[in-house]
N, C-alpha and C. Protein backbone atom coordinates (compact mmCIF):
# COMPACT_ATOMS: atom_id res chain seq x y z
N MET A 1 -6.99 -19.54 -24.95
CA MET A 1 -7.14 -18.77 -23.72
C MET A 1 -6.90 -17.29 -24.03
N ASP A 2 -7.64 -16.46 -23.32
CA ASP A 2 -7.51 -15.01 -23.50
C ASP A 2 -6.91 -14.40 -22.24
N VAL A 3 -5.91 -13.57 -22.45
CA VAL A 3 -5.11 -13.01 -21.37
C VAL A 3 -5.22 -11.49 -21.39
N ALA A 4 -5.41 -10.90 -20.22
CA ALA A 4 -5.45 -9.45 -20.09
C ALA A 4 -4.28 -8.99 -19.24
N LEU A 5 -3.76 -7.82 -19.56
CA LEU A 5 -2.82 -7.13 -18.70
C LEU A 5 -2.93 -5.65 -19.01
N GLY A 6 -2.49 -4.83 -18.09
CA GLY A 6 -2.63 -3.40 -18.31
C GLY A 6 -1.50 -2.63 -17.70
N GLY A 7 -1.35 -1.38 -18.17
CA GLY A 7 -0.34 -0.51 -17.62
C GLY A 7 -0.15 0.74 -18.46
N THR A 8 0.81 1.53 -18.04
CA THR A 8 1.15 2.77 -18.74
C THR A 8 2.29 2.53 -19.72
N PHE A 9 3.23 1.68 -19.35
CA PHE A 9 4.32 1.24 -20.21
C PHE A 9 5.08 2.42 -20.82
N ASP A 10 5.61 3.25 -19.93
CA ASP A 10 6.35 4.43 -20.38
C ASP A 10 7.53 4.70 -19.47
N PRO A 11 8.72 4.36 -19.91
CA PRO A 11 9.06 3.57 -21.09
C PRO A 11 8.97 2.08 -20.81
N VAL A 12 8.90 1.29 -21.89
CA VAL A 12 8.90 -0.16 -21.76
C VAL A 12 10.30 -0.61 -21.33
N HIS A 13 10.34 -1.57 -20.39
CA HIS A 13 11.61 -2.07 -19.89
C HIS A 13 11.55 -3.59 -19.72
N ASP A 14 12.63 -4.17 -19.26
CA ASP A 14 12.71 -5.63 -19.16
C ASP A 14 11.68 -6.22 -18.20
N GLY A 15 11.27 -5.48 -17.19
CA GLY A 15 10.19 -5.96 -16.31
C GLY A 15 8.89 -6.11 -17.07
N HIS A 16 8.58 -5.12 -17.91
CA HIS A 16 7.39 -5.22 -18.76
C HIS A 16 7.52 -6.38 -19.72
N ARG A 17 8.70 -6.54 -20.28
CA ARG A 17 8.91 -7.63 -21.25
C ARG A 17 8.67 -8.99 -20.60
N ARG A 18 9.02 -9.13 -19.34
CA ARG A 18 8.75 -10.39 -18.65
C ARG A 18 7.23 -10.60 -18.51
N LEU A 19 6.48 -9.53 -18.23
CA LEU A 19 5.02 -9.63 -18.19
C LEU A 19 4.46 -10.05 -19.55
N PHE A 20 4.95 -9.40 -20.61
CA PHE A 20 4.47 -9.71 -21.95
C PHE A 20 4.75 -11.17 -22.30
N GLU A 21 5.98 -11.61 -22.00
CA GLU A 21 6.34 -12.98 -22.33
C GLU A 21 5.42 -13.98 -21.63
N ARG A 22 5.18 -13.76 -20.35
CA ARG A 22 4.30 -14.68 -19.60
C ARG A 22 2.89 -14.66 -20.18
N ALA A 23 2.41 -13.48 -20.53
CA ALA A 23 1.07 -13.36 -21.11
C ALA A 23 0.97 -14.15 -22.41
N PHE A 24 1.94 -14.00 -23.29
CA PHE A 24 1.90 -14.71 -24.57
C PHE A 24 2.10 -16.21 -24.40
N GLU A 25 2.79 -16.64 -23.35
CA GLU A 25 2.88 -18.07 -23.07
C GLU A 25 1.50 -18.66 -22.79
N LEU A 26 0.62 -17.86 -22.19
CA LEU A 26 -0.70 -18.32 -21.76
C LEU A 26 -1.75 -18.29 -22.86
N GLY A 27 -1.64 -17.34 -23.80
CA GLY A 27 -2.68 -17.25 -24.83
C GLY A 27 -2.61 -15.96 -25.62
N ASP A 28 -3.72 -15.66 -26.30
CA ASP A 28 -3.83 -14.40 -27.03
C ASP A 28 -3.98 -13.28 -26.00
N VAL A 29 -3.39 -12.13 -26.30
CA VAL A 29 -3.21 -11.08 -25.30
C VAL A 29 -3.94 -9.80 -25.69
N THR A 30 -4.64 -9.24 -24.71
CA THR A 30 -5.20 -7.90 -24.84
C THR A 30 -4.55 -7.04 -23.77
N VAL A 31 -3.91 -5.97 -24.22
CA VAL A 31 -3.23 -5.06 -23.31
C VAL A 31 -4.06 -3.80 -23.17
N GLY A 32 -4.41 -3.48 -21.94
CA GLY A 32 -5.06 -2.21 -21.65
C GLY A 32 -3.97 -1.18 -21.40
N LEU A 33 -3.95 -0.15 -22.24
CA LEU A 33 -2.96 0.92 -22.11
C LEU A 33 -3.66 2.13 -21.52
N THR A 34 -3.13 2.63 -20.40
CA THR A 34 -3.80 3.74 -19.72
C THR A 34 -3.95 4.95 -20.63
N SER A 35 -5.12 5.56 -20.56
CA SER A 35 -5.39 6.78 -21.32
C SER A 35 -4.52 7.91 -20.78
N ASP A 36 -4.45 8.99 -21.52
CA ASP A 36 -3.70 10.16 -21.05
C ASP A 36 -4.28 10.70 -19.75
N GLU A 37 -5.60 10.55 -19.56
CA GLU A 37 -6.24 11.03 -18.34
C GLU A 37 -5.96 10.11 -17.15
N LEU A 38 -5.95 8.79 -17.39
CA LEU A 38 -5.75 7.83 -16.31
C LEU A 38 -4.28 7.70 -15.91
N ALA A 39 -3.38 7.79 -16.86
CA ALA A 39 -1.96 7.52 -16.59
C ALA A 39 -1.41 8.28 -15.38
N PRO A 40 -1.63 9.60 -15.26
CA PRO A 40 -1.07 10.30 -14.09
C PRO A 40 -1.69 9.84 -12.77
N ARG A 41 -2.91 9.36 -12.80
CA ARG A 41 -3.59 8.93 -11.57
C ARG A 41 -3.09 7.58 -11.09
N THR A 42 -2.40 6.84 -11.95
CA THR A 42 -1.89 5.52 -11.56
C THR A 42 -0.43 5.56 -11.13
N ARG A 43 0.19 6.71 -11.15
CA ARG A 43 1.60 6.85 -10.79
C ARG A 43 1.75 7.01 -9.28
N HIS A 44 2.74 6.34 -8.72
CA HIS A 44 3.08 6.52 -7.30
C HIS A 44 3.96 7.75 -7.12
N VAL A 45 4.66 8.11 -8.17
CA VAL A 45 5.54 9.28 -8.17
C VAL A 45 5.12 10.15 -9.34
N GLU A 46 4.99 11.44 -9.09
CA GLU A 46 4.59 12.33 -10.18
C GLU A 46 5.75 12.47 -11.17
N ARG A 47 5.45 12.20 -12.44
CA ARG A 47 6.44 12.36 -13.49
C ARG A 47 5.72 12.48 -14.83
N ARG A 48 6.44 12.97 -15.80
CA ARG A 48 5.88 13.12 -17.13
C ARG A 48 5.63 11.75 -17.75
N VAL A 49 4.50 11.61 -18.41
CA VAL A 49 4.17 10.39 -19.15
C VAL A 49 3.95 10.80 -20.60
N ARG A 50 4.56 10.07 -21.52
CA ARG A 50 4.40 10.38 -22.94
C ARG A 50 2.93 10.26 -23.36
N PRO A 51 2.54 10.95 -24.43
CA PRO A 51 1.16 10.87 -24.91
C PRO A 51 0.78 9.45 -25.33
N TYR A 52 -0.50 9.16 -25.23
CA TYR A 52 -1.03 7.83 -25.53
C TYR A 52 -0.56 7.31 -26.88
N ASP A 53 -0.69 8.11 -27.92
CA ASP A 53 -0.34 7.64 -29.27
C ASP A 53 1.11 7.18 -29.36
N GLU A 54 1.99 7.91 -28.71
CA GLU A 54 3.41 7.54 -28.72
C GLU A 54 3.63 6.25 -27.93
N ARG A 55 3.00 6.15 -26.76
CA ARG A 55 3.13 4.92 -25.95
C ARG A 55 2.54 3.72 -26.70
N GLU A 56 1.44 3.93 -27.40
CA GLU A 56 0.80 2.84 -28.13
C GLU A 56 1.71 2.32 -29.26
N ARG A 57 2.33 3.24 -30.00
CA ARG A 57 3.23 2.82 -31.08
C ARG A 57 4.40 2.00 -30.54
N ARG A 58 5.00 2.47 -29.47
CA ARG A 58 6.14 1.75 -28.89
C ARG A 58 5.72 0.39 -28.33
N LEU A 59 4.56 0.36 -27.69
CA LEU A 59 4.05 -0.89 -27.14
C LEU A 59 3.75 -1.89 -28.25
N GLU A 60 3.13 -1.43 -29.31
CA GLU A 60 2.82 -2.32 -30.43
C GLU A 60 4.08 -2.94 -31.01
N ALA A 61 5.13 -2.14 -31.15
CA ALA A 61 6.40 -2.66 -31.67
C ALA A 61 6.96 -3.75 -30.75
N GLU A 62 6.83 -3.56 -29.43
CA GLU A 62 7.31 -4.57 -28.48
C GLU A 62 6.48 -5.85 -28.58
N LEU A 63 5.18 -5.71 -28.65
CA LEU A 63 4.29 -6.87 -28.62
C LEU A 63 4.37 -7.70 -29.89
N GLU A 64 4.67 -7.06 -31.01
CA GLU A 64 4.72 -7.79 -32.28
C GLU A 64 5.72 -8.94 -32.25
N SER A 65 6.87 -8.72 -31.64
CA SER A 65 7.88 -9.79 -31.61
C SER A 65 7.43 -10.95 -30.72
N PHE A 66 6.80 -10.65 -29.59
CA PHE A 66 6.30 -11.73 -28.73
C PHE A 66 5.18 -12.50 -29.42
N ALA A 67 4.28 -11.80 -30.08
CA ALA A 67 3.17 -12.45 -30.78
C ALA A 67 3.70 -13.39 -31.85
N ALA A 68 4.71 -12.94 -32.58
CA ALA A 68 5.29 -13.78 -33.63
C ALA A 68 5.98 -15.00 -33.02
N GLU A 69 6.73 -14.80 -31.96
CA GLU A 69 7.46 -15.91 -31.33
C GLU A 69 6.51 -16.98 -30.82
N TYR A 70 5.38 -16.57 -30.24
CA TYR A 70 4.44 -17.52 -29.63
C TYR A 70 3.25 -17.86 -30.54
N ASP A 71 3.25 -17.30 -31.76
CA ASP A 71 2.16 -17.51 -32.71
C ASP A 71 0.81 -17.18 -32.07
N ARG A 72 0.72 -15.96 -31.54
CA ARG A 72 -0.47 -15.48 -30.84
C ARG A 72 -0.94 -14.18 -31.46
N GLU A 73 -2.16 -13.84 -31.14
CA GLU A 73 -2.74 -12.55 -31.54
C GLU A 73 -2.64 -11.59 -30.35
N PHE A 74 -2.67 -10.30 -30.66
CA PHE A 74 -2.75 -9.31 -29.57
C PHE A 74 -3.55 -8.11 -30.03
N GLU A 75 -4.03 -7.39 -29.03
CA GLU A 75 -4.80 -6.16 -29.25
C GLU A 75 -4.42 -5.19 -28.15
N ILE A 76 -4.35 -3.92 -28.49
CA ILE A 76 -4.13 -2.86 -27.49
C ILE A 76 -5.42 -2.06 -27.40
N ARG A 77 -5.92 -1.90 -26.19
CA ARG A 77 -7.14 -1.13 -25.96
C ARG A 77 -6.88 -0.05 -24.92
N THR A 78 -7.62 1.02 -25.00
CA THR A 78 -7.46 2.14 -24.07
C THR A 78 -8.10 1.81 -22.73
N LEU A 79 -7.34 2.04 -21.65
CA LEU A 79 -7.87 1.91 -20.29
C LEU A 79 -8.31 3.27 -19.80
N GLU A 80 -9.57 3.39 -19.45
CA GLU A 80 -10.11 4.64 -18.92
C GLU A 80 -10.28 4.59 -17.40
N GLU A 81 -10.25 3.36 -16.84
CA GLU A 81 -10.36 3.18 -15.40
C GLU A 81 -9.43 2.05 -14.99
N PRO A 82 -8.95 2.04 -13.75
CA PRO A 82 -7.94 1.06 -13.33
C PRO A 82 -8.36 -0.40 -13.50
N THR A 83 -9.63 -0.72 -13.28
CA THR A 83 -10.05 -2.11 -13.42
C THR A 83 -10.27 -2.49 -14.87
N GLY A 84 -10.48 -1.53 -15.71
CA GLY A 84 -10.46 -1.64 -17.16
C GLY A 84 -11.08 -2.85 -17.81
N ILE A 85 -10.37 -3.38 -18.77
CA ILE A 85 -10.87 -4.43 -19.65
C ILE A 85 -11.02 -5.78 -18.97
N ALA A 86 -10.26 -6.05 -17.92
CA ALA A 86 -10.22 -7.39 -17.32
C ALA A 86 -11.54 -7.78 -16.65
N THR A 87 -12.45 -6.84 -16.47
CA THR A 87 -13.76 -7.18 -15.90
C THR A 87 -14.69 -7.78 -16.95
N GLU A 88 -14.27 -7.74 -18.22
CA GLU A 88 -15.09 -8.30 -19.31
C GLU A 88 -15.03 -9.82 -19.28
N PRO A 89 -16.11 -10.49 -19.68
CA PRO A 89 -16.22 -11.94 -19.47
C PRO A 89 -15.28 -12.81 -20.28
N GLN A 90 -14.73 -12.35 -21.39
CA GLN A 90 -13.98 -13.23 -22.29
C GLN A 90 -12.60 -13.64 -21.78
N PHE A 91 -12.09 -12.99 -20.76
CA PHE A 91 -10.72 -13.26 -20.32
C PHE A 91 -10.64 -14.43 -19.35
N ASP A 92 -9.53 -15.17 -19.44
CA ASP A 92 -9.26 -16.31 -18.57
C ASP A 92 -8.17 -16.01 -17.54
N TYR A 93 -7.20 -15.19 -17.96
CA TYR A 93 -6.04 -14.88 -17.12
C TYR A 93 -5.85 -13.37 -17.03
N LEU A 94 -5.29 -12.95 -15.90
CA LEU A 94 -4.82 -11.58 -15.73
C LEU A 94 -3.37 -11.68 -15.28
N VAL A 95 -2.48 -11.07 -16.04
CA VAL A 95 -1.06 -11.08 -15.70
C VAL A 95 -0.74 -9.76 -15.01
N VAL A 96 -0.14 -9.86 -13.81
CA VAL A 96 0.14 -8.68 -13.00
C VAL A 96 1.55 -8.75 -12.43
N SER A 97 2.03 -7.61 -11.97
CA SER A 97 3.27 -7.56 -11.21
C SER A 97 2.90 -7.62 -9.72
N PRO A 98 3.87 -7.85 -8.84
CA PRO A 98 3.53 -7.99 -7.42
C PRO A 98 2.75 -6.80 -6.84
N GLU A 99 3.07 -5.57 -7.26
CA GLU A 99 2.39 -4.43 -6.67
C GLU A 99 0.98 -4.22 -7.21
N THR A 100 0.60 -4.94 -8.27
CA THR A 100 -0.76 -4.79 -8.80
C THR A 100 -1.62 -6.03 -8.52
N ARG A 101 -1.12 -6.93 -7.69
CA ARG A 101 -1.88 -8.13 -7.31
C ARG A 101 -3.23 -7.77 -6.69
N ASP A 102 -3.25 -6.77 -5.80
CA ASP A 102 -4.50 -6.38 -5.15
C ASP A 102 -5.53 -5.90 -6.17
N GLY A 103 -5.07 -5.22 -7.21
CA GLY A 103 -5.96 -4.80 -8.27
C GLY A 103 -6.60 -6.00 -8.96
N GLY A 104 -5.84 -7.07 -9.11
CA GLY A 104 -6.37 -8.30 -9.69
C GLY A 104 -7.47 -8.89 -8.84
N GLU A 105 -7.30 -8.83 -7.52
CA GLU A 105 -8.34 -9.33 -6.63
C GLU A 105 -9.60 -8.48 -6.73
N ARG A 106 -9.42 -7.16 -6.85
CA ARG A 106 -10.57 -6.28 -7.01
C ARG A 106 -11.30 -6.58 -8.33
N ILE A 107 -10.55 -6.83 -9.38
CA ILE A 107 -11.15 -7.19 -10.66
C ILE A 107 -11.99 -8.46 -10.53
N ASN A 108 -11.49 -9.44 -9.80
CA ASN A 108 -12.26 -10.67 -9.61
C ASN A 108 -13.52 -10.43 -8.79
N GLU A 109 -13.48 -9.52 -7.83
CA GLU A 109 -14.70 -9.16 -7.09
C GLU A 109 -15.75 -8.60 -8.05
N ILE A 110 -15.32 -7.70 -8.92
CA ILE A 110 -16.24 -7.10 -9.90
C ILE A 110 -16.79 -8.17 -10.83
N ARG A 111 -15.92 -9.07 -11.27
CA ARG A 111 -16.36 -10.14 -12.17
C ARG A 111 -17.42 -11.02 -11.49
N ARG A 112 -17.20 -11.36 -10.22
CA ARG A 112 -18.18 -12.18 -9.50
C ARG A 112 -19.51 -11.44 -9.37
N GLU A 113 -19.44 -10.13 -9.07
CA GLU A 113 -20.66 -9.32 -8.96
C GLU A 113 -21.44 -9.32 -10.28
N ARG A 114 -20.73 -9.41 -11.39
CA ARG A 114 -21.36 -9.39 -12.71
C ARG A 114 -21.73 -10.79 -13.22
N GLY A 115 -21.45 -11.81 -12.41
CA GLY A 115 -21.79 -13.17 -12.79
C GLY A 115 -20.77 -13.85 -13.69
N HIS A 116 -19.56 -13.30 -13.76
CA HIS A 116 -18.50 -13.90 -14.58
C HIS A 116 -17.59 -14.76 -13.71
N ASP A 117 -16.95 -15.74 -14.33
CA ASP A 117 -15.96 -16.54 -13.63
C ASP A 117 -14.77 -15.66 -13.26
N PRO A 118 -14.14 -15.93 -12.11
CA PRO A 118 -12.94 -15.17 -11.77
C PRO A 118 -11.79 -15.52 -12.71
N LEU A 119 -10.89 -14.59 -12.86
CA LEU A 119 -9.68 -14.79 -13.65
C LEU A 119 -8.65 -15.52 -12.81
N GLU A 120 -7.79 -16.26 -13.48
CA GLU A 120 -6.60 -16.75 -12.80
C GLU A 120 -5.59 -15.60 -12.83
N VAL A 121 -5.24 -15.11 -11.65
CA VAL A 121 -4.30 -14.00 -11.56
C VAL A 121 -2.89 -14.57 -11.50
N VAL A 122 -2.09 -14.22 -12.51
CA VAL A 122 -0.72 -14.73 -12.63
C VAL A 122 0.22 -13.59 -12.25
N VAL A 123 0.94 -13.77 -11.14
CA VAL A 123 1.86 -12.75 -10.65
C VAL A 123 3.25 -13.05 -11.18
N VAL A 124 3.81 -12.07 -11.90
CA VAL A 124 5.15 -12.20 -12.48
C VAL A 124 6.12 -11.43 -11.59
N PRO A 125 7.16 -12.07 -11.09
CA PRO A 125 8.11 -11.39 -10.21
C PRO A 125 8.79 -10.21 -10.91
N HIS A 126 9.22 -9.27 -10.09
CA HIS A 126 9.97 -8.12 -10.60
C HIS A 126 11.29 -8.56 -11.22
N VAL A 127 11.76 -7.78 -12.15
CA VAL A 127 13.11 -7.96 -12.70
C VAL A 127 13.99 -6.95 -11.95
N ARG A 128 15.14 -7.41 -11.54
CA ARG A 128 16.06 -6.56 -10.77
C ARG A 128 17.12 -5.94 -11.65
N ALA A 129 17.46 -4.71 -11.32
CA ALA A 129 18.55 -4.00 -11.99
C ALA A 129 19.88 -4.51 -11.43
N ASP A 130 20.96 -4.08 -12.05
CA ASP A 130 22.30 -4.49 -11.61
C ASP A 130 22.56 -4.15 -10.14
N ASP A 131 21.92 -3.10 -9.63
CA ASP A 131 22.13 -2.69 -8.24
C ASP A 131 21.23 -3.45 -7.27
N GLY A 132 20.43 -4.40 -7.77
CA GLY A 132 19.57 -5.21 -6.91
C GLY A 132 18.19 -4.62 -6.69
N ASP A 133 17.99 -3.37 -7.05
CA ASP A 133 16.68 -2.75 -6.90
C ASP A 133 15.82 -3.11 -8.12
N ILE A 134 14.55 -2.86 -8.03
CA ILE A 134 13.60 -3.19 -9.09
C ILE A 134 13.80 -2.29 -10.30
N ILE A 135 13.69 -2.86 -11.49
CA ILE A 135 13.65 -2.05 -12.71
C ILE A 135 12.28 -1.40 -12.77
N SER A 136 12.25 -0.09 -12.93
CA SER A 136 10.97 0.62 -13.04
C SER A 136 11.11 1.75 -14.05
N SER A 137 9.99 2.11 -14.63
CA SER A 137 9.98 3.23 -15.57
C SER A 137 10.42 4.51 -14.88
N THR A 138 10.02 4.69 -13.63
CA THR A 138 10.40 5.90 -12.89
C THR A 138 11.92 5.99 -12.75
N ARG A 139 12.57 4.89 -12.43
CA ARG A 139 14.03 4.90 -12.30
C ARG A 139 14.69 5.20 -13.64
N ILE A 140 14.11 4.70 -14.73
CA ILE A 140 14.65 4.97 -16.06
C ILE A 140 14.51 6.45 -16.39
N VAL A 141 13.32 7.00 -16.15
CA VAL A 141 13.08 8.43 -16.44
C VAL A 141 14.01 9.31 -15.61
N LYS A 142 14.30 8.90 -14.38
CA LYS A 142 15.21 9.67 -13.52
C LYS A 142 16.66 9.54 -13.96
N GLY A 143 16.96 8.63 -14.87
CA GLY A 143 18.33 8.45 -15.35
C GLY A 143 19.19 7.56 -14.47
N GLU A 144 18.56 6.82 -13.55
CA GLU A 144 19.32 5.92 -12.67
C GLU A 144 19.78 4.66 -13.40
N ILE A 145 18.89 4.13 -14.25
CA ILE A 145 19.16 2.87 -14.96
C ILE A 145 18.64 2.99 -16.39
N ASP A 146 19.04 2.03 -17.23
CA ASP A 146 18.46 1.96 -18.58
C ASP A 146 17.34 0.91 -18.56
N GLU A 147 16.74 0.66 -19.71
CA GLU A 147 15.58 -0.24 -19.79
C GLU A 147 15.93 -1.69 -19.44
N HIS A 148 17.20 -2.02 -19.42
CA HIS A 148 17.64 -3.38 -19.09
C HIS A 148 18.15 -3.49 -17.65
N GLY A 149 18.13 -2.39 -16.92
CA GLY A 149 18.57 -2.42 -15.53
C GLY A 149 20.02 -2.13 -15.31
N ASN A 150 20.71 -1.67 -16.35
CA ASN A 150 22.11 -1.28 -16.18
C ASN A 150 22.15 0.06 -15.45
N VAL A 151 22.96 0.15 -14.42
CA VAL A 151 23.07 1.38 -13.63
C VAL A 151 23.79 2.44 -14.46
N LEU A 152 23.21 3.66 -14.49
CA LEU A 152 23.77 4.73 -15.30
C LEU A 152 24.52 5.78 -14.48
N SER A 153 24.10 5.94 -13.21
CA SER A 153 24.76 6.98 -12.42
C SER A 153 25.85 6.38 -11.57
N ASP A 154 26.84 7.20 -11.22
CA ASP A 154 27.94 6.73 -10.37
C ASP A 154 27.54 6.74 -8.90
N ASP A 155 26.34 7.26 -8.61
CA ASP A 155 25.91 7.38 -7.21
C ASP A 155 25.37 6.09 -6.64
N ALA A 156 25.06 5.11 -7.49
CA ALA A 156 24.41 3.87 -7.02
C ALA A 156 25.36 2.97 -6.28
């Protein structure tokens, strides 16, 4: 089975790791990594995003351990548009987080228009930080939590 997922992954955190783990449980994984041009357009909050090459190196290091554990292959490809690689016919699954579920439905619409079978959209629940809120890259960049959801500020 071939699995697609996508994102900016800056920085990678335990929520992303849960997505990766689920993807590798299902099959060989292709990760669409947002291009430098697309990344700022996919943010709900304006913030700095590391350059593509740096994000790709860090992502590859994360994926290697999951691939080895599950005896799977993986590939990282550049995403130039939000619907990206998952509209291609070879994929069977799309792994998403709850807030990107609608994007998965849009991808399936495009696939049907192109005569491809729809993907099984697998929604992976959010991982919660120690304070009960969602672990997110934005919260990490703001210094509220670390990549594992440990609260860093005394204000929480």
